[in-house]
N, C-alpha and C. Protein backbone atom coordinates (compact mmCIF):
# COMPACT_ATOMS: atom_id res chain seq x y z
N MET A 1 52.12 38.83 -121.72
CA MET A 1 50.63 39.44 -122.25
C MET A 1 50.00 40.27 -121.95
N VAL A 2 49.42 41.17 -121.92
CA VAL A 2 48.86 41.92 -120.62
C VAL A 2 47.31 42.24 -121.91
N ASP A 3 46.03 41.35 -121.35
CA ASP A 3 44.67 41.76 -122.00
C ASP A 3 44.76 41.38 -123.37
N GLY A 4 45.52 40.26 -123.39
CA GLY A 4 45.29 39.44 -124.73
C GLY A 4 46.20 40.26 -126.06
N LEU A 5 47.13 41.38 -125.41
CA LEU A 5 48.38 41.84 -126.50
C LEU A 5 49.55 41.22 -126.38
N ARG A 6 50.50 40.77 -127.40
CA ARG A 6 51.32 40.53 -127.51
C ARG A 6 52.40 41.42 -128.00
N THR A 7 53.58 41.58 -127.44
CA THR A 7 54.72 42.42 -127.69
C THR A 7 55.97 41.94 -127.53
N ILE A 8 57.01 41.99 -129.13
CA ILE A 8 57.71 41.00 -129.43
C ILE A 8 58.78 42.20 -129.74
N LYS A 9 60.16 42.03 -129.14
CA LYS A 9 61.44 43.10 -129.31
C LYS A 9 61.51 42.67 -130.72
N SER A 10 61.73 43.66 -131.81
CA SER A 10 62.37 43.34 -132.90
C SER A 10 63.99 43.20 -132.99
N ASN A 11 64.58 42.65 -133.98
CA ASN A 11 66.04 42.71 -134.00
C ASN A 11 65.97 43.71 -134.99
N PHE A 12 65.09 44.48 -135.51
CA PHE A 12 65.49 45.63 -137.21
C PHE A 12 64.92 46.70 -136.41
N GLY A 13 64.82 48.15 -137.37
CA GLY A 13 64.34 49.31 -137.29
C GLY A 13 62.85 49.13 -137.58
N PRO A 14 61.96 50.07 -137.33
CA PRO A 14 60.48 49.98 -137.80
C PRO A 14 60.38 49.56 -139.11
N GLU A 15 61.50 50.25 -140.11
CA GLU A 15 60.77 49.87 -141.33
C GLU A 15 61.09 48.71 -141.85
N GLU A 16 62.09 48.28 -141.41
CA GLU A 16 62.52 47.30 -142.16
C GLU A 16 61.19 45.88 -141.23
N THR A 17 61.54 45.98 -139.96
CA THR A 17 60.22 45.07 -139.10
C THR A 17 59.09 45.58 -139.93
N MET A 18 58.61 46.17 -140.32
CA MET A 18 57.15 46.38 -140.75
C MET A 18 57.11 45.97 -142.54
N ASN A 19 58.55 46.07 -143.10
CA ASN A 19 58.55 45.30 -144.66
C ASN A 19 58.53 43.80 -144.17
N ARG A 20 59.27 43.15 -143.46
CA ARG A 20 58.84 42.20 -143.01
C ARG A 20 57.94 41.38 -142.72
N CYS A 21 57.16 42.55 -141.91
CA CYS A 21 55.80 41.75 -141.50
C CYS A 21 55.12 41.69 -142.90
N GLU A 22 55.00 42.86 -143.29
CA GLU A 22 53.98 42.75 -144.77
C GLU A 22 54.58 41.41 -145.71
N ALA A 23 55.80 41.42 -145.88
CA ALA A 23 56.16 39.69 -146.63
C ALA A 23 55.77 38.77 -146.14
N ALA A 24 55.93 38.63 -144.70
CA ALA A 24 55.09 37.42 -144.18
C ALA A 24 54.03 37.19 -144.31
N VAL A 25 53.15 38.34 -144.20
CA VAL A 25 51.63 38.37 -144.12
C VAL A 25 51.43 37.81 -145.78
N ARG A 26 51.74 38.17 -146.78
CA ARG A 26 51.75 38.04 -147.80
C ARG A 26 52.10 36.03 -148.43
N ALA A 27 53.15 35.74 -147.77
CA ALA A 27 53.83 34.48 -147.86
C ALA A 27 52.88 33.75 -147.27
N LYS A 28 51.99 34.06 -146.20
CA LYS A 28 51.06 33.08 -146.04
C LYS A 28 49.78 33.56 -146.34
N GLY A 29 49.66 34.16 -147.55
CA GLY A 29 48.70 34.13 -148.72
C GLY A 29 47.67 35.10 -148.03
N MET A 30 47.60 35.91 -147.06
CA MET A 30 46.79 36.75 -146.37
C MET A 30 47.07 37.83 -147.12
N THR A 31 45.49 38.87 -147.25
CA THR A 31 45.59 40.16 -147.73
C THR A 31 45.67 40.69 -146.78
N ILE A 32 46.89 42.29 -147.15
CA ILE A 32 47.02 43.39 -146.43
C ILE A 32 45.50 44.29 -147.09
N PHE A 33 44.55 44.88 -145.96
CA PHE A 33 43.72 45.77 -146.58
C PHE A 33 44.09 46.82 -146.25
N ALA A 34 44.83 47.51 -145.30
CA ALA A 34 45.20 48.85 -144.85
C ALA A 34 46.59 48.70 -144.49
N HIS A 35 47.21 50.24 -144.61
CA HIS A 35 48.09 49.97 -144.14
C HIS A 35 48.57 51.51 -143.46
N VAL A 36 48.54 51.65 -142.10
CA VAL A 36 48.25 53.04 -141.64
C VAL A 36 49.60 53.42 -140.74
N ASP A 37 50.19 54.69 -141.37
CA ASP A 37 51.30 55.40 -140.51
C ASP A 37 50.86 56.46 -139.90
N HIS A 38 50.85 56.06 -138.80
CA HIS A 38 50.76 56.90 -137.58
C HIS A 38 51.52 58.18 -137.24
N ALA A 39 52.64 57.69 -137.99
CA ALA A 39 53.89 59.31 -137.52
C ALA A 39 53.31 60.03 -138.98
N ALA A 40 53.33 59.76 -139.81
CA ALA A 40 52.90 60.65 -140.78
C ALA A 40 51.42 61.14 -140.87
N SER A 41 50.84 60.67 -140.09
CA SER A 41 49.44 61.34 -139.96
C SER A 41 49.34 62.32 -139.06
N ALA A 42 50.65 61.94 -137.84
CA ALA A 42 50.71 63.06 -136.82
C ALA A 42 51.28 64.21 -137.81
N ALA A 43 52.44 63.88 -138.56
CA ALA A 43 53.22 65.16 -139.09
C ALA A 43 52.10 65.93 -139.74
N ALA A 44 51.19 65.52 -140.45
CA ALA A 44 50.29 66.38 -141.28
C ALA A 44 49.58 67.14 -140.63
N VAL A 45 49.42 67.01 -139.36
CA VAL A 45 48.56 68.02 -138.72
C VAL A 45 49.60 68.85 -137.67
N GLY A 46 51.05 68.78 -137.96
CA GLY A 46 51.82 69.54 -137.02
C GLY A 46 52.45 69.02 -135.56
N MET A 47 52.02 67.54 -135.59
CA MET A 47 52.19 67.07 -134.41
C MET A 47 53.67 65.70 -134.41
N SER A 48 53.87 65.35 -133.66
CA SER A 48 55.08 64.41 -134.03
C SER A 48 54.97 62.62 -133.40
N LEU A 49 55.40 62.06 -133.73
CA LEU A 49 55.38 60.49 -132.93
C LEU A 49 56.57 59.64 -133.38
N ARG A 50 57.07 59.16 -132.70
CA ARG A 50 58.43 58.11 -132.89
C ARG A 50 57.58 57.23 -134.20
N PRO A 51 58.46 56.39 -135.00
CA PRO A 51 57.38 55.60 -135.88
C PRO A 51 56.57 54.41 -135.12
N MET A 52 55.62 54.56 -136.03
CA MET A 52 54.79 53.97 -135.49
C MET A 52 53.52 53.65 -136.76
N ASP A 53 53.65 52.08 -137.29
CA ASP A 53 53.00 51.98 -138.38
C ASP A 53 52.16 50.46 -138.43
N LEU A 54 51.05 50.43 -138.91
CA LEU A 54 49.54 49.62 -138.34
C LEU A 54 49.55 49.07 -139.90
N ILE A 55 49.47 47.86 -139.84
CA ILE A 55 48.55 46.95 -141.17
C ILE A 55 47.42 46.38 -140.42
N ILE A 56 46.35 46.23 -141.34
CA ILE A 56 45.20 45.50 -141.36
C ILE A 56 45.38 44.63 -142.12
N PHE A 57 45.36 42.98 -141.93
CA PHE A 57 45.15 42.07 -142.69
C PHE A 57 44.63 41.09 -142.29
N GLY A 58 44.36 39.53 -143.32
CA GLY A 58 43.58 38.87 -142.52
C GLY A 58 43.26 38.04 -144.25
N SER A 59 42.46 36.77 -143.82
CA SER A 59 41.79 35.71 -144.48
C SER A 59 40.52 36.11 -144.41
N ALA A 60 39.98 36.04 -145.42
CA ALA A 60 38.13 35.95 -145.51
C ALA A 60 37.83 34.15 -145.41
N LYS A 61 38.78 33.35 -145.86
CA LYS A 61 38.76 32.26 -145.36
C LYS A 61 38.39 31.59 -144.01
N ALA A 62 39.28 32.23 -143.47
CA ALA A 62 39.29 31.99 -141.95
C ALA A 62 38.76 32.76 -141.12
N GLY A 63 38.26 33.86 -141.47
CA GLY A 63 37.51 34.93 -140.57
C GLY A 63 35.83 35.14 -140.77
N THR A 64 35.64 34.75 -141.88
CA THR A 64 34.25 34.75 -142.05
C THR A 64 33.21 33.55 -141.53
N PRO A 65 33.83 32.68 -141.48
CA PRO A 65 33.19 31.41 -139.88
C PRO A 65 32.89 32.02 -138.86
N LEU A 66 33.89 32.59 -138.73
CA LEU A 66 33.92 33.35 -137.10
C LEU A 66 32.97 34.01 -137.16
N MET A 67 32.83 35.35 -137.89
CA MET A 67 31.76 36.24 -138.43
C MET A 67 30.61 35.68 -138.36
N GLN A 68 30.37 34.12 -138.91
CA GLN A 68 28.86 33.67 -139.12
C GLN A 68 28.70 33.22 -137.73
N SER A 69 29.37 32.74 -136.87
CA SER A 69 29.29 32.49 -135.49
C SER A 69 28.56 33.32 -134.89
N ILE A 70 29.48 34.43 -134.55
CA ILE A 70 28.85 35.68 -133.79
C ILE A 70 29.63 37.02 -134.71
N GLU A 71 28.95 38.16 -134.99
CA GLU A 71 28.81 39.03 -135.92
C GLU A 71 29.81 39.99 -135.01
N THR A 72 29.97 40.38 -133.79
CA THR A 72 30.58 40.78 -133.31
C THR A 72 31.81 40.79 -133.13
N ILE A 73 32.58 39.52 -133.56
CA ILE A 73 33.75 39.68 -133.75
C ILE A 73 34.66 40.62 -134.95
N GLY A 74 33.74 40.82 -135.61
CA GLY A 74 33.86 41.48 -136.84
C GLY A 74 34.45 42.90 -136.37
N ILE A 75 34.47 43.44 -135.12
CA ILE A 75 34.92 44.44 -134.46
C ILE A 75 36.64 44.08 -134.22
N ASP A 76 37.02 42.72 -134.00
CA ASP A 76 38.22 42.57 -133.92
C ASP A 76 38.79 41.83 -135.17
N LEU A 77 38.41 41.66 -136.62
CA LEU A 77 38.76 40.92 -137.57
C LEU A 77 38.38 42.40 -138.68
N PRO A 78 39.36 42.43 -139.46
CA PRO A 78 40.64 41.57 -139.76
C PRO A 78 41.53 42.18 -138.83
N LEU A 79 42.78 41.10 -138.85
CA LEU A 79 43.77 41.08 -138.12
C LEU A 79 44.75 42.37 -138.03
N LYS A 80 45.15 42.93 -136.92
CA LYS A 80 46.12 44.15 -137.22
C LYS A 80 47.77 43.77 -136.52
N ALA A 81 48.64 44.66 -137.08
CA ALA A 81 50.12 44.57 -136.68
C ALA A 81 50.65 46.02 -136.28
N LEU A 82 51.06 46.27 -135.32
CA LEU A 82 51.46 47.33 -135.07
C LEU A 82 53.37 47.43 -134.65
N VAL A 83 53.91 48.38 -135.54
CA VAL A 83 55.37 48.48 -135.50
C VAL A 83 55.39 49.50 -134.73
N TRP A 84 56.13 49.63 -133.44
CA TRP A 84 56.28 51.25 -133.22
C TRP A 84 57.79 51.16 -132.54
N GLN A 85 58.32 52.26 -132.17
CA GLN A 85 59.55 52.57 -131.69
C GLN A 85 59.42 53.07 -130.30
N ASP A 86 60.11 52.83 -129.31
CA ASP A 86 60.05 53.45 -128.10
C ASP A 86 60.70 54.68 -127.89
N GLU A 87 60.92 55.36 -127.03
CA GLU A 87 61.69 56.34 -126.79
C GLU A 87 63.07 56.12 -126.55
N SER A 88 63.46 55.11 -126.42
CA SER A 88 65.51 54.39 -126.36
C SER A 88 65.61 54.20 -127.94
N GLY A 89 64.78 53.64 -128.73
CA GLY A 89 64.98 53.64 -130.14
C GLY A 89 64.60 52.34 -129.98
N THR A 90 64.19 51.40 -129.57
CA THR A 90 64.05 49.87 -129.74
C THR A 90 62.49 50.20 -130.65
N THR A 91 62.58 48.90 -131.33
CA THR A 91 61.68 48.56 -132.37
C THR A 91 60.62 47.43 -131.43
N TRP A 92 59.50 47.55 -131.71
CA TRP A 92 58.59 46.42 -130.97
C TRP A 92 57.85 46.08 -132.08
N LEU A 93 56.83 44.89 -132.14
CA LEU A 93 55.98 44.20 -133.06
C LEU A 93 54.62 44.15 -132.05
N SER A 94 53.47 44.29 -132.01
CA SER A 94 52.66 44.23 -131.04
C SER A 94 51.27 43.79 -132.14
N TYR A 95 50.53 42.74 -131.24
CA TYR A 95 49.02 42.17 -132.19
C TYR A 95 48.41 41.27 -130.80
N ASN A 96 47.28 41.60 -131.44
CA ASN A 96 46.22 40.73 -130.34
C ASN A 96 46.10 39.54 -130.11
N ASP A 97 46.37 38.63 -129.45
CA ASP A 97 46.36 37.38 -129.61
C ASP A 97 44.77 37.28 -129.75
N PRO A 98 44.64 36.31 -131.12
CA PRO A 98 43.11 35.46 -131.05
C PRO A 98 42.50 34.88 -130.33
N GLY A 99 42.87 34.18 -129.45
CA GLY A 99 42.26 33.89 -128.10
C GLY A 99 41.76 34.53 -127.43
N SER A 100 41.95 36.03 -127.32
CA SER A 100 41.34 37.01 -126.56
C SER A 100 39.87 37.26 -127.00
N PHE A 101 40.03 37.01 -128.63
CA PHE A 101 38.59 37.25 -129.58
C PHE A 101 37.69 35.90 -129.00
N ALA A 102 38.32 34.96 -128.86
CA ALA A 102 37.25 33.79 -128.64
C ALA A 102 36.65 34.25 -127.18
N THR A 103 37.51 34.37 -126.16
CA THR A 103 37.06 34.85 -124.66
C THR A 103 35.65 36.08 -125.02
N ARG A 104 36.48 37.15 -125.49
CA ARG A 104 36.19 38.37 -125.28
C ARG A 104 34.56 38.07 -126.01
N HIS A 105 34.38 37.30 -127.04
CA HIS A 105 32.86 37.17 -128.27
C HIS A 105 32.25 35.95 -127.47
N ALA A 106 32.66 35.10 -126.56
CA ALA A 106 32.20 33.69 -126.33
C ALA A 106 31.78 33.03 -127.61
N ILE A 107 32.87 33.07 -128.17
CA ILE A 107 32.83 31.79 -129.22
C ILE A 107 33.39 30.85 -128.74
N VAL A 108 32.08 29.59 -128.94
CA VAL A 108 32.56 28.03 -129.04
C VAL A 108 32.62 27.30 -130.29
N ASP A 109 33.55 26.60 -129.98
CA ASP A 109 33.51 25.46 -131.10
C ASP A 109 34.74 26.17 -132.35
N SER A 110 35.32 27.22 -131.83
CA SER A 110 36.14 27.36 -133.03
C SER A 110 37.73 27.22 -132.54
N ASP A 111 38.25 26.29 -131.79
CA ASP A 111 39.54 25.96 -131.14
C ASP A 111 40.41 25.99 -132.61
N LEU A 112 39.96 25.36 -133.40
CA LEU A 112 40.81 24.97 -134.58
C LEU A 112 41.11 26.44 -135.40
N THR A 113 40.59 27.01 -135.92
CA THR A 113 40.17 28.59 -136.28
C THR A 113 41.34 29.25 -135.81
N ILE A 114 40.80 29.50 -134.53
CA ILE A 114 41.39 30.52 -133.47
C ILE A 114 43.44 29.98 -133.57
N ASN A 115 43.44 28.73 -133.19
CA ASN A 115 44.47 28.33 -132.89
C ASN A 115 45.42 28.57 -134.34
N ALA A 116 45.08 28.50 -135.26
CA ALA A 116 45.29 28.48 -136.86
C ALA A 116 45.78 30.07 -136.94
N MET A 117 44.89 30.88 -136.62
CA MET A 117 44.89 32.17 -136.48
C MET A 117 46.24 32.27 -136.01
N ARG A 118 46.18 31.82 -134.35
CA ARG A 118 47.31 32.18 -133.66
C ARG A 118 48.63 31.80 -133.85
N GLY A 119 48.98 30.48 -134.42
CA GLY A 119 49.62 30.25 -134.91
C GLY A 119 50.48 30.85 -136.15
N ALA A 120 49.74 31.16 -136.84
CA ALA A 120 50.14 32.20 -138.39
C ALA A 120 50.65 33.59 -137.84
N LEU A 121 49.98 34.19 -136.69
CA LEU A 121 50.19 35.46 -136.02
C LEU A 121 51.80 35.48 -135.44
N ASN A 122 52.22 34.14 -134.76
CA ASN A 122 53.59 33.69 -134.17
C ASN A 122 54.33 33.84 -135.20
N GLU A 123 54.35 32.88 -136.25
CA GLU A 123 54.87 32.88 -137.31
C GLU A 123 55.68 34.18 -138.05
N ILE A 124 54.28 35.19 -138.53
CA ILE A 124 54.53 36.36 -138.91
C ILE A 124 55.30 36.90 -137.93
N ALA A 125 55.07 37.44 -137.04
CA ALA A 125 55.71 38.04 -135.92
C ALA A 125 57.74 37.66 -135.70
N LYS A 126 57.53 36.09 -135.77
CA LYS A 126 58.89 36.00 -135.66
C LYS A 126 59.67 36.44 -136.87
N THR A 127 59.22 36.13 -138.20
CA THR A 127 59.40 36.56 -138.99
C THR A 127 59.86 37.79 -139.45
N ALA A 128 59.21 38.73 -138.81
CA ALA A 128 59.57 40.12 -139.05
C ALA A 128 60.33 40.67 -138.20
N THR A 129 60.49 39.93 -136.76
CA THR A 129 61.29 40.51 -135.52
C THR A 129 62.71 39.85 -135.24
N SER A 130 62.98 38.47 -135.98
CA SER A 130 63.94 38.16 -135.74
C SER A 130 64.90 37.54 -137.13
N ARG A 131 66.26 37.49 -136.66
CA ARG A 131 67.27 37.18 -137.78
C ARG A 131 67.20 35.98 -138.20
């Protein structure tokens, strides 16, 4: 993990990885707030990117208490997951580890919430990338 970023190799292509990720997010009862297709946005301006999709998702029940504690964590919430393909055709899923949020924003007494977020993200990533 580099600077709180987790990156996991997927056993699937970009589209299937993202579909599995979105399904796993919904199965956890979380809301998907946005889906950003970076490659489509690049194509719209005559540029190219390998497949690269971002979803923004979360749970107000989990995130609100953290934002009540310290408002600046709102820059890191809701959660995000990026599915991307490298130059060799390998698909990856990347996300920020919630523990880095607590450190970055000097949040105290949030271990239960941060650990729950971390566990949910780990499960979502595993479901999205593994057979």
